[in-house]
Protein backbone atom coordinates (compact mmCIF):
# COMPACT_ATOMS: atom_id res chain seq x y z
CA UNK A 1 -55.72 -29.82 -326.63
CA UNK A 2 -53.65 -33.00 -326.81
CA UNK A 3 -53.19 -34.82 -330.11
CA UNK A 4 -51.72 -38.24 -330.81
CA UNK A 5 -50.49 -39.02 -334.32
CA UNK A 6 -49.51 -42.41 -335.69
CA UNK A 7 -47.45 -41.77 -338.79
CA UNK A 8 -44.03 -42.20 -340.40
CA UNK A 9 -40.82 -40.19 -340.87
CA UNK A 10 -40.83 -38.63 -344.33
CA UNK A 11 -41.12 -34.82 -344.66
CA UNK A 12 -44.87 -35.01 -345.32
CA UNK A 13 -45.40 -37.00 -342.12
CA UNK A 14 -43.23 -34.70 -340.03
CA UNK A 15 -45.14 -31.75 -341.46
CA UNK A 16 -48.40 -33.08 -340.03
CA UNK A 17 -46.90 -33.12 -336.53
CA UNK A 18 -45.44 -29.67 -337.08
CA UNK A 19 -48.76 -28.21 -338.20
CA UNK A 20 -50.67 -29.79 -335.32
CA UNK A 21 -48.12 -28.36 -332.90
CA UNK A 22 -49.40 -24.90 -333.87
CA UNK A 23 -52.93 -25.58 -332.59
CA UNK A 24 -52.33 -28.19 -329.87
CA UNK A 25 -50.78 -27.83 -326.45
CA UNK A 26 -49.02 -31.14 -326.88
CA UNK A 27 -48.55 -33.59 -329.73
CA UNK A 28 -47.56 -37.22 -329.22
CA UNK A 29 -45.95 -38.39 -332.44
CA UNK A 30 -45.45 -42.13 -332.90
CA UNK A 31 -43.25 -42.38 -335.95
CA UNK A 32 -42.72 -45.66 -337.80
CA UNK A 33 -39.29 -45.32 -339.35
CA UNK A 34 -38.40 -46.22 -342.93
CA UNK A 35 -35.38 -45.12 -344.91
CA UNK A 36 -35.47 -41.49 -346.07
CA UNK A 37 -33.65 -42.64 -349.22
CA UNK A 38 -36.23 -44.92 -350.90
CA UNK A 39 -34.94 -46.63 -354.00
CA UNK A 40 -31.35 -46.19 -352.81
CA UNK A 41 -31.78 -48.35 -349.70
CA UNK A 42 -33.63 -51.68 -349.71
CA UNK A 43 -36.57 -51.11 -347.35
CA UNK A 44 -40.34 -50.77 -347.77
CA UNK A 45 -39.62 -50.18 -351.47
CA UNK A 46 -36.94 -52.25 -353.14
CA UNK A 47 -33.53 -50.94 -354.16
CA UNK A 48 -33.10 -50.65 -357.93
CA UNK A 49 -32.12 -48.09 -360.56
CA UNK A 50 -35.73 -47.69 -361.63
CA UNK A 51 -36.96 -47.17 -358.08
CA UNK A 52 -34.14 -44.73 -357.43
CA UNK A 53 -35.18 -42.68 -360.45
CA UNK A 54 -38.85 -42.84 -359.51
CA UNK A 55 -38.27 -41.77 -355.92
CA UNK A 56 -35.91 -38.99 -356.94
CA UNK A 57 -39.02 -37.43 -358.45
CA UNK A 58 -41.06 -38.14 -355.32
CA UNK A 59 -38.40 -36.68 -353.01
CA UNK A 60 -37.98 -33.58 -355.18
CA UNK A 61 -41.72 -32.85 -355.10
CA UNK A 62 -42.00 -33.63 -351.40
CA UNK A 63 -39.16 -31.27 -350.49
CA UNK A 64 -40.63 -28.57 -352.72
CA UNK A 65 -43.98 -28.74 -350.91
CA UNK A 66 -43.01 -29.79 -347.36
CA UNK A 67 -39.32 -28.99 -347.03
CA UNK A 68 -36.64 -31.43 -345.87
CA UNK A 69 -36.55 -33.62 -342.76
CA UNK A 70 -35.75 -31.57 -339.68
CA UNK A 71 -36.35 -31.45 -335.94
CA UNK A 72 -39.88 -30.94 -334.63
CA UNK A 73 -41.09 -28.19 -332.26
CA UNK A 74 -40.66 -28.49 -328.51
CA UNK A 75 -44.29 -29.39 -327.82
CA UNK A 76 -44.03 -32.55 -329.96
CA UNK A 77 -43.00 -35.69 -328.10
CA UNK A 78 -41.69 -38.26 -330.56
CA UNK A 79 -41.37 -42.02 -330.19
CA UNK A 80 -39.72 -43.71 -333.15
CA UNK A 81 -40.12 -47.42 -333.86
CA UNK A 82 -39.22 -49.58 -336.83
CA UNK A 83 -41.99 -49.87 -339.37
CA UNK A 84 -44.04 -52.94 -338.54
CA UNK A 85 -43.25 -52.85 -334.82
CA UNK A 86 -46.29 -50.75 -333.94
CA UNK A 87 -48.50 -53.76 -333.24
CA UNK A 88 -45.93 -55.22 -330.86
CA UNK A 89 -46.06 -52.25 -328.51
CA UNK A 90 -47.68 -52.63 -325.11
CA UNK A 91 -50.01 -50.08 -323.56
CA UNK A 92 -47.53 -49.23 -320.83
CA UNK A 93 -44.92 -48.26 -323.45
CA UNK A 94 -47.12 -45.58 -325.04
CA UNK A 95 -49.40 -44.83 -322.14
CA UNK A 96 -48.64 -41.09 -322.23
CA UNK A 97 -50.06 -40.94 -325.76
CA UNK A 98 -53.33 -42.68 -324.87
CA UNK A 99 -55.00 -39.78 -323.07
CA UNK A 100 -55.43 -37.35 -325.96
CA UNK A 101 -58.41 -35.43 -327.27
CA UNK A 102 -57.94 -36.59 -330.85
CA UNK A 103 -56.11 -39.47 -332.52
CA UNK A 104 -54.85 -39.23 -336.10
CA UNK A 105 -53.48 -42.01 -338.31
CA UNK A 106 -51.51 -41.03 -341.41
CA UNK A 107 -49.17 -43.34 -343.27
CA UNK A 108 -48.69 -45.88 -340.51
CA UNK A 109 -48.55 -49.63 -341.02
CA UNK A 110 -51.72 -51.70 -340.72
CA UNK A 111 -52.83 -51.41 -337.07
CA UNK A 112 -54.16 -54.50 -335.29
CA UNK A 113 -54.76 -55.94 -331.83
CA UNK A 114 -55.49 -53.90 -328.73
CA UNK A 115 -54.36 -50.67 -330.41
CA UNK A 116 -56.92 -50.77 -333.23
CA UNK A 117 -59.64 -51.54 -330.67
CA UNK A 118 -58.57 -48.51 -328.64
CA UNK A 119 -58.40 -46.20 -331.65
CA UNK A 120 -61.74 -47.27 -333.09
CA UNK A 121 -63.36 -46.81 -329.69
CA UNK A 122 -61.94 -43.29 -329.53
CA UNK A 123 -63.11 -42.41 -333.06
CA UNK A 124 -59.61 -41.98 -334.47
CA UNK A 125 -59.33 -40.21 -337.83
CA UNK A 126 -57.46 -41.73 -340.76
CA UNK A 127 -55.96 -39.64 -343.56
CA UNK A 128 -56.15 -41.97 -346.54
CA UNK A 129 -54.15 -40.82 -349.53
CA UNK A 130 -56.60 -41.84 -352.19
CA UNK A 131 -60.26 -41.26 -352.94
CA UNK A 132 -62.23 -43.99 -351.18
CA UNK A 133 -64.08 -46.07 -352.03
CA UNK A 134 -62.67 -45.80 -355.55
CA UNK A 135 -59.01 -46.40 -354.71
CA UNK A 136 -57.99 -48.26 -351.58
CA UNK A 137 -54.78 -49.86 -350.37
CA UNK A 138 -51.19 -48.77 -351.10
CA UNK A 139 -49.98 -45.89 -353.32
CA UNK A 140 -53.54 -45.11 -354.41
CA UNK A 141 -52.80 -41.79 -356.08
CA UNK A 142 -50.03 -43.35 -358.15
CA UNK A 143 -52.47 -45.99 -359.36
CA UNK A 144 -55.11 -43.37 -360.16
CA UNK A 145 -52.60 -41.68 -362.47
CA UNK A 146 -51.42 -45.03 -363.84
CA UNK A 147 -55.05 -45.81 -364.70
CA UNK A 148 -55.37 -42.43 -366.46
CA UNK A 149 -57.76 -41.22 -363.77
CA UNK A 150 -56.12 -37.96 -362.57
CA UNK A 151 -59.47 -36.67 -361.29
CA UNK A 152 -59.41 -39.54 -358.79
CA UNK A 153 -56.25 -38.18 -357.13
CA UNK A 154 -56.94 -36.88 -353.64
CA UNK A 155 -57.43 -37.89 -350.03
CA UNK A 156 -60.21 -39.21 -347.85
CA UNK A 157 -60.70 -38.16 -344.25
CA UNK A 158 -62.54 -41.02 -342.58
CA UNK A 159 -63.04 -42.74 -339.26
CA UNK A 160 -60.52 -45.45 -338.60
CA UNK A 161 -61.86 -48.99 -338.78
CA UNK A 162 -60.45 -52.50 -338.46
CA UNK A 163 -60.62 -52.90 -342.24
CA UNK A 164 -58.01 -51.19 -344.42
CA UNK A 165 -59.25 -47.78 -345.60
CA UNK A 166 -62.84 -48.92 -345.07
CA UNK A 167 -64.11 -46.65 -342.28
CA UNK A 168 -67.05 -44.29 -342.62
CA UNK A 169 -66.06 -41.18 -344.58
CA UNK A 170 -66.25 -37.55 -343.49
CA UNK A 171 -65.00 -35.64 -346.53
CA UNK A 172 -62.78 -35.78 -349.60
CA UNK A 173 -59.81 -33.50 -350.31
CA UNK A 174 -58.91 -32.63 -353.91
CA UNK A 175 -55.73 -30.90 -355.12
CA UNK A 176 -56.02 -28.18 -357.74
CA UNK A 177 -53.63 -28.70 -360.62
CA UNK A 178 -51.17 -25.81 -360.71
CA UNK A 179 -49.17 -24.45 -363.62
CA UNK A 180 -46.18 -26.66 -364.43
CA UNK A 181 -47.19 -29.31 -361.87
CA UNK A 182 -45.56 -32.64 -362.56
CA UNK A 183 -47.59 -35.77 -361.73
CA UNK A 184 -45.44 -36.06 -358.60
CA UNK A 185 -46.17 -32.46 -357.57
CA UNK A 186 -49.87 -33.02 -358.14
CA UNK A 187 -50.14 -36.15 -356.01
CA UNK A 188 -47.95 -34.65 -353.27
CA UNK A 189 -50.14 -31.56 -353.24
CA UNK A 190 -53.08 -33.78 -352.32
CA UNK A 191 -51.30 -34.54 -349.04
CA UNK A 192 -51.04 -30.83 -348.27
CA UNK A 193 -54.72 -30.25 -349.00
CA UNK A 194 -55.71 -33.12 -346.69
CA UNK A 195 -53.53 -31.93 -343.83
CA UNK A 196 -54.73 -28.33 -344.08
CA UNK A 197 -58.39 -29.35 -344.32
CA UNK A 198 -58.26 -31.64 -341.31
CA UNK A 199 -56.35 -29.18 -339.13
CA UNK A 200 -58.71 -26.39 -340.12
CA UNK A 201 -61.76 -28.48 -339.22
CA UNK A 202 -60.29 -29.37 -335.83
CA UNK A 203 -59.17 -25.82 -335.14
CA UNK A 204 -62.66 -24.50 -335.95
CA UNK A 205 -64.27 -27.36 -334.00
CA UNK A 206 -66.29 -28.19 -337.11
CA UNK A 207 -65.19 -31.80 -337.62
CA UNK A 208 -68.22 -33.12 -335.76
CA UNK A 209 -70.46 -31.29 -338.22
CA UNK A 210 -69.55 -33.77 -340.95
CA UNK A 211 -71.88 -36.77 -340.85
CA UNK A 212 -70.05 -40.07 -341.34
CA UNK A 213 -71.03 -41.91 -344.50
CA UNK A 214 -70.50 -45.61 -345.13
CA UNK A 215 -68.36 -46.52 -348.12
CA UNK A 216 -70.01 -48.24 -351.06
CA UNK A 217 -67.49 -50.92 -351.98
CA UNK A 218 -69.29 -51.55 -355.28
CA UNK A 219 -67.64 -48.33 -356.49
CA UNK A 220 -64.12 -49.66 -355.95
CA UNK A 221 -61.89 -49.35 -359.01
CA UNK A 222 -58.66 -50.75 -357.62
CA UNK A 223 -57.41 -52.26 -354.37
CA UNK A 224 -53.62 -52.05 -354.56
CA UNK A 225 -50.88 -53.70 -352.55
CA UNK A 226 -47.25 -52.72 -352.17
CA UNK A 227 -46.14 -55.81 -354.11
CA UNK A 228 -48.07 -54.53 -357.15
CA UNK A 229 -45.67 -51.59 -357.49
CA UNK A 230 -42.87 -53.31 -359.40
CA UNK A 231 -39.86 -52.02 -361.32
CA UNK A 232 -41.74 -52.77 -364.55
CA UNK A 233 -44.76 -50.73 -363.47
CA UNK A 234 -42.61 -47.82 -362.27
CA UNK A 235 -40.59 -47.79 -365.51
CA UNK A 236 -43.73 -47.89 -367.63
CA UNK A 237 -45.12 -44.93 -365.70
CA UNK A 238 -41.90 -42.92 -366.03
CA UNK A 239 -41.62 -43.67 -369.75
CA UNK A 240 -45.13 -42.37 -370.35
CA UNK A 241 -44.04 -38.89 -369.16
CA UNK A 242 -47.62 -38.08 -368.23
CA UNK A 243 -48.82 -34.53 -368.94
CA UNK A 244 -51.82 -33.39 -366.89
CA UNK A 245 -54.59 -31.14 -368.16
CA UNK A 246 -57.22 -29.98 -365.67
CA UNK A 247 -59.69 -29.32 -368.49
CA UNK A 248 -59.95 -33.06 -369.07
CA UNK A 249 -60.73 -33.92 -365.44
CA UNK A 250 -64.07 -35.59 -364.75
CA UNK A 251 -64.55 -35.93 -361.01
CA UNK A 252 -66.39 -38.88 -359.49
CA UNK A 253 -69.10 -38.45 -356.89
CA UNK A 254 -67.38 -36.76 -353.94
CA UNK A 255 -68.34 -36.33 -350.29
CA UNK A 256 -68.20 -32.77 -348.93
CA UNK A 257 -65.21 -32.05 -351.19
CA UNK A 258 -62.56 -29.55 -350.14
CA UNK A 259 -60.39 -28.27 -352.98
CA UNK A 260 -57.02 -26.70 -352.39
């Protein structure tokens, strides 16, 4: 089996390629590169003391769950491009990656042009970190916690579409709150659940058993953009020192939920 993944370069993204390498003969990994020191370096997220503090928490939880950045296995072919350059690539430049059995999108920039047409035609799968249709856009699980909706933290496995996070859904993935989980651990754990669930479904050849279900946009709670995540918002969230209690969770209507 050949797998093509469009993703990024943080430990959680590298982990997806690493896990797929265990079940695939070959993995083509197109990695959109951002700084691995968010908050310290001005990049996708701005450089500031608040952002540095916030992302210290993110990085700590990510390393705890996924380990640090490191080289990928030999059966993973990696092409790294600057974040935002993906839509400028020509077919001939990534031709080797366009003859796979499955295409996965996880944490890439917004895909447009000939590439989105190709991926939609080939029923590419998107791992959306957020429960659609309730939370769509950027940093959805942060905003679910910010809105005091911890039971809306999770991931949606859905078919890729031309609209952002709007494709027909296959199933939801929900993290189980573990003892002493910080909010950062909890949201990062949702990534692990999503990756394990998708890989398991593909390995068991059961993904096609999930009927695709159209999203009801009337259920949308928040559509967030990167510009919404400001220093003021991050500081407010940190100052709240949120304590999570699973007994208070009230889950929304979920589609074929997988808890982990």
